[in-house]
N, C-alpha and C. Protein backbone atom coordinates (compact mmCIF):
# COMPACT_ATOMS: atom_id res chain seq x y z
N UNK A 1 19.11 -48.89 -13.83
CA UNK A 1 17.91 -49.44 -13.16
C UNK A 1 17.39 -50.63 -13.97
N UNK A 2 17.54 -51.80 -13.48
CA UNK A 2 17.04 -52.97 -14.20
C UNK A 2 15.89 -53.63 -13.40
N UNK A 3 15.57 -53.09 -12.26
CA UNK A 3 14.49 -53.71 -11.47
C UNK A 3 13.15 -53.57 -12.19
N UNK A 4 12.94 -52.41 -12.76
CA UNK A 4 11.66 -52.19 -13.48
C UNK A 4 11.53 -53.17 -14.65
N UNK A 5 12.62 -53.31 -15.38
CA UNK A 5 12.58 -54.24 -16.53
C UNK A 5 12.33 -55.66 -16.05
N UNK A 6 12.99 -56.02 -14.98
CA UNK A 6 12.84 -57.39 -14.47
C UNK A 6 11.38 -57.62 -14.03
N UNK A 7 10.86 -56.66 -13.33
CA UNK A 7 9.47 -56.79 -12.85
C UNK A 7 8.52 -56.85 -14.06
N UNK A 8 8.75 -56.04 -15.02
CA UNK A 8 7.88 -56.01 -16.20
C UNK A 8 7.97 -57.36 -16.94
N UNK A 9 9.17 -57.89 -17.00
CA UNK A 9 9.36 -59.18 -17.69
C UNK A 9 8.56 -60.27 -16.97
N UNK A 10 8.63 -60.27 -15.66
CA UNK A 10 7.88 -61.29 -14.90
C UNK A 10 6.37 -61.10 -15.12
N UNK A 11 5.95 -59.87 -15.06
CA UNK A 11 4.51 -59.57 -15.24
C UNK A 11 4.10 -59.95 -16.66
N UNK A 12 4.98 -59.67 -17.60
CA UNK A 12 4.67 -59.96 -19.00
C UNK A 12 4.45 -61.47 -19.17
N UNK A 13 5.30 -62.27 -18.52
CA UNK A 13 5.18 -63.73 -18.65
C UNK A 13 3.82 -64.18 -18.10
N UNK A 14 3.48 -63.68 -16.94
CA UNK A 14 2.20 -64.06 -16.32
C UNK A 14 1.05 -63.54 -17.19
N UNK A 15 1.19 -62.34 -17.69
CA UNK A 15 0.13 -61.75 -18.51
C UNK A 15 -0.06 -62.57 -19.79
N UNK A 16 1.04 -62.94 -20.40
CA UNK A 16 0.95 -63.72 -21.65
C UNK A 16 0.27 -65.06 -21.36
N UNK A 17 0.59 -65.65 -20.23
CA UNK A 17 -0.02 -66.95 -19.89
C UNK A 17 -1.52 -66.77 -19.64
N UNK A 18 -1.84 -65.64 -19.02
CA UNK A 18 -3.26 -65.40 -18.69
C UNK A 18 -4.05 -65.08 -19.97
N UNK A 19 -3.36 -64.41 -20.88
CA UNK A 19 -4.06 -64.00 -22.12
C UNK A 19 -4.48 -65.26 -22.89
N UNK A 20 -3.69 -66.24 -22.91
CA UNK A 20 -4.03 -67.43 -23.73
C UNK A 20 -5.05 -68.29 -23.02
């Protein structure tokens, strides 16, 4: 199952951008 990881990675990118 790599869909969860992929989704988390995308969310992480957006989250990191939002955090800064």
